[in-house]
Amino acid sequence: MDAERKARIADLASTARPVWAGNHDGDALQEFLKKAGCAGVDAVMVTMRVAGCDLGEAQRMFLTASCRAAELAFHDEVMQGLESSQGDA
């Protein structure tokens, strides 16, 4: 990961901490990150830092947040495609 990306993640984590500290609400945190233009792996990394959780929990918070419905739908579509291709080999 390059220095610019690391700095952006650190900055977002710093600004997102008060959102999380207010009520430990994963939906509110993801809404904040989405409005800040933070998505995908970066949003999961920020979530890990802010919530002090592991990768699995951060992914769950990301994918189950109501504002991330499009990301969840894409994830599910990709996973279904991979599962159905297992029989094609």
N, C-alpha and C. Protein backbone atom coordinates (compact mmCIF):
# COMPACT_ATOMS: atom_id res chain seq x y z
N MET A 1 0.84 -1.16 0.00
CA MET A 1 0.00 0.00 0.00
C MET A 1 0.90 1.24 0.00
N ASP A 2 0.57 2.18 -0.87
CA ASP A 2 1.42 3.37 -0.96
C ASP A 2 1.14 4.34 0.19
N ALA A 3 2.06 5.27 0.37
CA ALA A 3 1.99 6.21 1.49
C ALA A 3 0.75 7.11 1.42
N GLU A 4 0.37 7.50 0.22
CA GLU A 4 -0.80 8.37 0.07
C GLU A 4 -2.08 7.66 0.54
N ARG A 5 -2.21 6.41 0.17
CA ARG A 5 -3.40 5.64 0.58
C ARG A 5 -3.40 5.41 2.09
N LYS A 6 -2.24 5.09 2.66
CA LYS A 6 -2.14 4.92 4.10
C LYS A 6 -2.56 6.19 4.83
N ALA A 7 -2.09 7.32 4.32
CA ALA A 7 -2.43 8.61 4.94
C ALA A 7 -3.92 8.89 4.84
N ARG A 8 -4.51 8.59 3.69
CA ARG A 8 -5.95 8.83 3.51
C ARG A 8 -6.76 7.97 4.48
N ILE A 9 -6.39 6.72 4.63
CA ILE A 9 -7.09 5.82 5.55
C ILE A 9 -6.94 6.32 6.99
N ALA A 10 -5.74 6.74 7.36
CA ALA A 10 -5.51 7.26 8.71
C ALA A 10 -6.33 8.53 8.95
N ASP A 11 -6.39 9.42 7.96
CA ASP A 11 -7.17 10.65 8.10
C ASP A 11 -8.66 10.35 8.24
N LEU A 12 -9.16 9.44 7.40
CA LEU A 12 -10.57 9.07 7.49
C LEU A 12 -10.89 8.42 8.83
N ALA A 13 -10.00 7.58 9.31
CA ALA A 13 -10.22 6.94 10.61
C ALA A 13 -10.29 8.00 11.71
N SER A 14 -9.43 8.98 11.63
CA SER A 14 -9.42 10.04 12.63
C SER A 14 -10.72 10.84 12.62
N THR A 15 -11.22 11.17 11.44
CA THR A 15 -12.46 11.94 11.36
C THR A 15 -13.69 11.09 11.64
N ALA A 16 -13.59 9.77 11.46
CA ALA A 16 -14.74 8.89 11.69
C ALA A 16 -14.87 8.45 13.15
N ARG A 17 -13.82 8.56 13.92
CA ARG A 17 -13.88 8.09 15.32
C ARG A 17 -15.03 8.70 16.12
N PRO A 18 -15.28 10.02 16.01
CA PRO A 18 -16.40 10.58 16.77
C PRO A 18 -17.76 9.99 16.35
N VAL A 19 -17.90 9.63 15.09
CA VAL A 19 -19.15 9.02 14.62
C VAL A 19 -19.36 7.69 15.33
N TRP A 20 -18.30 6.89 15.41
CA TRP A 20 -18.37 5.59 16.06
C TRP A 20 -18.51 5.75 17.58
N ALA A 21 -17.76 6.67 18.15
CA ALA A 21 -17.76 6.85 19.59
C ALA A 21 -19.13 7.27 20.12
N GLY A 22 -19.91 7.95 19.31
CA GLY A 22 -21.22 8.42 19.74
C GLY A 22 -22.17 7.30 20.09
N ASN A 23 -22.15 6.19 19.32
CA ASN A 23 -23.14 5.14 19.57
C ASN A 23 -22.73 3.75 19.09
N HIS A 24 -21.52 3.60 18.59
CA HIS A 24 -21.04 2.31 18.09
C HIS A 24 -22.00 1.71 17.06
N ASP A 25 -22.48 2.54 16.18
CA ASP A 25 -23.45 2.16 15.15
C ASP A 25 -22.73 1.94 13.82
N GLY A 26 -22.67 0.67 13.39
CA GLY A 26 -22.00 0.34 12.13
C GLY A 26 -22.65 1.00 10.94
N ASP A 27 -23.98 1.12 10.93
CA ASP A 27 -24.67 1.78 9.83
C ASP A 27 -24.28 3.25 9.74
N ALA A 28 -24.24 3.93 10.89
CA ALA A 28 -23.87 5.35 10.90
C ALA A 28 -22.42 5.52 10.42
N LEU A 29 -21.55 4.63 10.85
CA LEU A 29 -20.16 4.70 10.42
C LEU A 29 -20.05 4.52 8.91
N GLN A 30 -20.74 3.52 8.37
CA GLN A 30 -20.67 3.29 6.92
C GLN A 30 -21.31 4.44 6.14
N GLU A 31 -22.37 5.01 6.64
CA GLU A 31 -22.99 6.16 5.99
C GLU A 31 -22.00 7.33 5.93
N PHE A 32 -21.31 7.57 7.03
CA PHE A 32 -20.29 8.61 7.09
C PHE A 32 -19.19 8.36 6.07
N LEU A 33 -18.70 7.11 6.04
CA LEU A 33 -17.62 6.77 5.10
C LEU A 33 -18.08 6.89 3.65
N LYS A 34 -19.30 6.46 3.39
CA LYS A 34 -19.81 6.55 2.02
C LYS A 34 -19.90 8.01 1.57
N LYS A 35 -20.41 8.87 2.45
CA LYS A 35 -20.51 10.31 2.13
C LYS A 35 -19.12 10.92 1.93
N ALA A 36 -18.12 10.35 2.59
CA ALA A 36 -16.74 10.84 2.44
C ALA A 36 -16.07 10.26 1.20
N GLY A 37 -16.79 9.41 0.46
CA GLY A 37 -16.22 8.82 -0.75
C GLY A 37 -15.34 7.62 -0.49
N CYS A 38 -15.49 7.02 0.67
CA CYS A 38 -14.67 5.87 1.06
C CYS A 38 -15.48 4.60 0.86
N ALA A 39 -15.00 3.70 0.02
CA ALA A 39 -15.72 2.47 -0.29
C ALA A 39 -14.74 1.29 -0.33
N GLY A 40 -15.31 0.11 -0.49
CA GLY A 40 -14.51 -1.09 -0.71
C GLY A 40 -13.52 -1.39 0.40
N VAL A 41 -12.36 -1.82 -0.02
CA VAL A 41 -11.32 -2.25 0.92
C VAL A 41 -10.93 -1.11 1.86
N ASP A 42 -10.88 0.11 1.34
CA ASP A 42 -10.52 1.24 2.19
C ASP A 42 -11.53 1.43 3.32
N ALA A 43 -12.82 1.30 3.00
CA ALA A 43 -13.86 1.44 4.03
C ALA A 43 -13.73 0.33 5.08
N VAL A 44 -13.40 -0.86 4.65
CA VAL A 44 -13.22 -1.97 5.59
C VAL A 44 -12.00 -1.69 6.48
N MET A 45 -10.93 -1.18 5.91
CA MET A 45 -9.73 -0.88 6.69
C MET A 45 -10.00 0.23 7.70
N VAL A 46 -10.71 1.27 7.28
CA VAL A 46 -11.06 2.34 8.21
C VAL A 46 -11.94 1.78 9.32
N THR A 47 -12.90 0.94 8.97
CA THR A 47 -13.79 0.34 9.97
C THR A 47 -13.00 -0.45 10.99
N MET A 48 -12.02 -1.22 10.55
CA MET A 48 -11.19 -1.99 11.47
C MET A 48 -10.49 -1.07 12.47
N ARG A 49 -9.95 0.02 11.98
CA ARG A 49 -9.24 0.97 12.86
C ARG A 49 -10.19 1.64 13.84
N VAL A 50 -11.30 2.12 13.32
CA VAL A 50 -12.22 2.90 14.15
C VAL A 50 -12.94 2.02 15.18
N ALA A 51 -13.42 0.87 14.74
CA ALA A 51 -14.19 0.00 15.62
C ALA A 51 -13.30 -0.93 16.45
N GLY A 52 -12.02 -1.01 16.09
CA GLY A 52 -11.12 -1.89 16.81
C GLY A 52 -11.50 -3.36 16.67
N CYS A 53 -11.92 -3.71 15.46
CA CYS A 53 -12.39 -5.09 15.22
C CYS A 53 -11.50 -5.80 14.20
N ASP A 54 -11.76 -7.07 14.02
CA ASP A 54 -10.99 -7.84 13.05
C ASP A 54 -11.58 -7.68 11.65
N LEU A 55 -10.92 -8.26 10.68
CA LEU A 55 -11.32 -8.15 9.28
C LEU A 55 -12.74 -8.67 9.04
N GLY A 56 -13.06 -9.81 9.59
CA GLY A 56 -14.38 -10.40 9.39
C GLY A 56 -15.50 -9.50 9.89
N GLU A 57 -15.32 -8.95 11.08
CA GLU A 57 -16.34 -8.06 11.64
C GLU A 57 -16.45 -6.77 10.83
N ALA A 58 -15.33 -6.23 10.38
CA ALA A 58 -15.36 -5.01 9.56
C ALA A 58 -16.06 -5.27 8.23
N GLN A 59 -15.81 -6.41 7.63
CA GLN A 59 -16.49 -6.75 6.38
C GLN A 59 -17.99 -6.90 6.61
N ARG A 60 -18.36 -7.52 7.71
CA ARG A 60 -19.78 -7.68 8.03
C ARG A 60 -20.44 -6.31 8.18
N MET A 61 -19.79 -5.41 8.92
CA MET A 61 -20.35 -4.06 9.09
C MET A 61 -20.50 -3.36 7.75
N PHE A 62 -19.50 -3.52 6.90
CA PHE A 62 -19.54 -2.89 5.57
C PHE A 62 -20.68 -3.46 4.73
N LEU A 63 -20.75 -4.77 4.64
CA LEU A 63 -21.70 -5.40 3.73
C LEU A 63 -23.14 -5.41 4.23
N THR A 64 -23.34 -5.25 5.53
CA THR A 64 -24.71 -5.27 6.04
C THR A 64 -25.29 -3.89 6.29
N ALA A 65 -24.50 -2.85 6.11
CA ALA A 65 -25.02 -1.48 6.29
C ALA A 65 -26.03 -1.18 5.18
N SER A 66 -27.12 -0.56 5.56
CA SER A 66 -28.19 -0.29 4.59
C SER A 66 -27.69 0.58 3.42
N CYS A 67 -26.76 1.47 3.67
CA CYS A 67 -26.25 2.33 2.59
C CYS A 67 -25.32 1.60 1.63
N ARG A 68 -24.95 0.36 1.97
CA ARG A 68 -24.04 -0.43 1.14
C ARG A 68 -24.77 -1.55 0.41
N ALA A 69 -26.06 -1.40 0.19
CA ALA A 69 -26.86 -2.44 -0.46
C ALA A 69 -26.31 -2.79 -1.84
N ALA A 70 -25.86 -1.81 -2.60
CA ALA A 70 -25.32 -2.08 -3.94
C ALA A 70 -24.05 -2.92 -3.85
N GLU A 71 -23.21 -2.63 -2.87
CA GLU A 71 -21.98 -3.40 -2.69
C GLU A 71 -22.31 -4.85 -2.30
N LEU A 72 -23.30 -5.02 -1.42
CA LEU A 72 -23.71 -6.36 -1.02
C LEU A 72 -24.26 -7.13 -2.21
N ALA A 73 -25.08 -6.49 -3.02
CA ALA A 73 -25.65 -7.15 -4.20
C ALA A 73 -24.54 -7.58 -5.15
N PHE A 74 -23.54 -6.72 -5.37
CA PHE A 74 -22.42 -7.07 -6.24
C PHE A 74 -21.65 -8.25 -5.65
N HIS A 75 -21.37 -8.21 -4.36
CA HIS A 75 -20.65 -9.28 -3.68
C HIS A 75 -21.40 -10.61 -3.85
N ASP A 76 -22.70 -10.57 -3.60
CA ASP A 76 -23.51 -11.79 -3.72
C ASP A 76 -23.51 -12.33 -5.15
N GLU A 77 -23.59 -11.43 -6.12
CA GLU A 77 -23.58 -11.84 -7.52
C GLU A 77 -22.27 -12.51 -7.90
N VAL A 78 -21.17 -11.93 -7.46
CA VAL A 78 -19.85 -12.52 -7.74
C VAL A 78 -19.72 -13.88 -7.08
N MET A 79 -20.15 -13.97 -5.83
CA MET A 79 -20.05 -15.25 -5.11
C MET A 79 -20.92 -16.32 -5.79
N GLN A 80 -22.11 -15.96 -6.22
CA GLN A 80 -22.98 -16.92 -6.92
C GLN A 80 -22.34 -17.37 -8.23
N GLY A 81 -21.72 -16.44 -8.94
CA GLY A 81 -21.03 -16.78 -10.17
C GLY A 81 -19.88 -17.75 -9.93
N LEU A 82 -19.12 -17.50 -8.88
CA LEU A 82 -18.02 -18.40 -8.56
C LEU A 82 -18.53 -19.78 -8.17
N GLU A 83 -19.58 -19.81 -7.38
CA GLU A 83 -20.14 -21.10 -6.97
C GLU A 83 -20.68 -21.88 -8.15
N SER A 84 -21.37 -21.20 -9.05
CA SER A 84 -21.95 -21.92 -10.21
C SER A 84 -20.87 -22.35 -11.19
N SER A 85 -19.74 -21.66 -11.24
CA SER A 85 -18.68 -22.05 -12.14
C SER A 85 -17.89 -23.25 -11.63
N GLN A 86 -18.05 -23.60 -10.38
CA GLN A 86 -17.36 -24.76 -9.81
C GLN A 86 -17.70 -26.03 -10.57
N GLY A 87 -18.93 -26.15 -11.02
CA GLY A 87 -19.35 -27.34 -11.74
C GLY A 87 -18.94 -27.34 -13.20
N ASP A 88 -18.45 -26.20 -13.71
CA ASP A 88 -18.06 -26.09 -15.12
C ASP A 88 -16.66 -26.59 -15.40
N ALA A 89 -15.87 -26.83 -14.37
CA ALA A 89 -14.46 -27.18 -14.56
C ALA A 89 -14.27 -28.59 -15.02
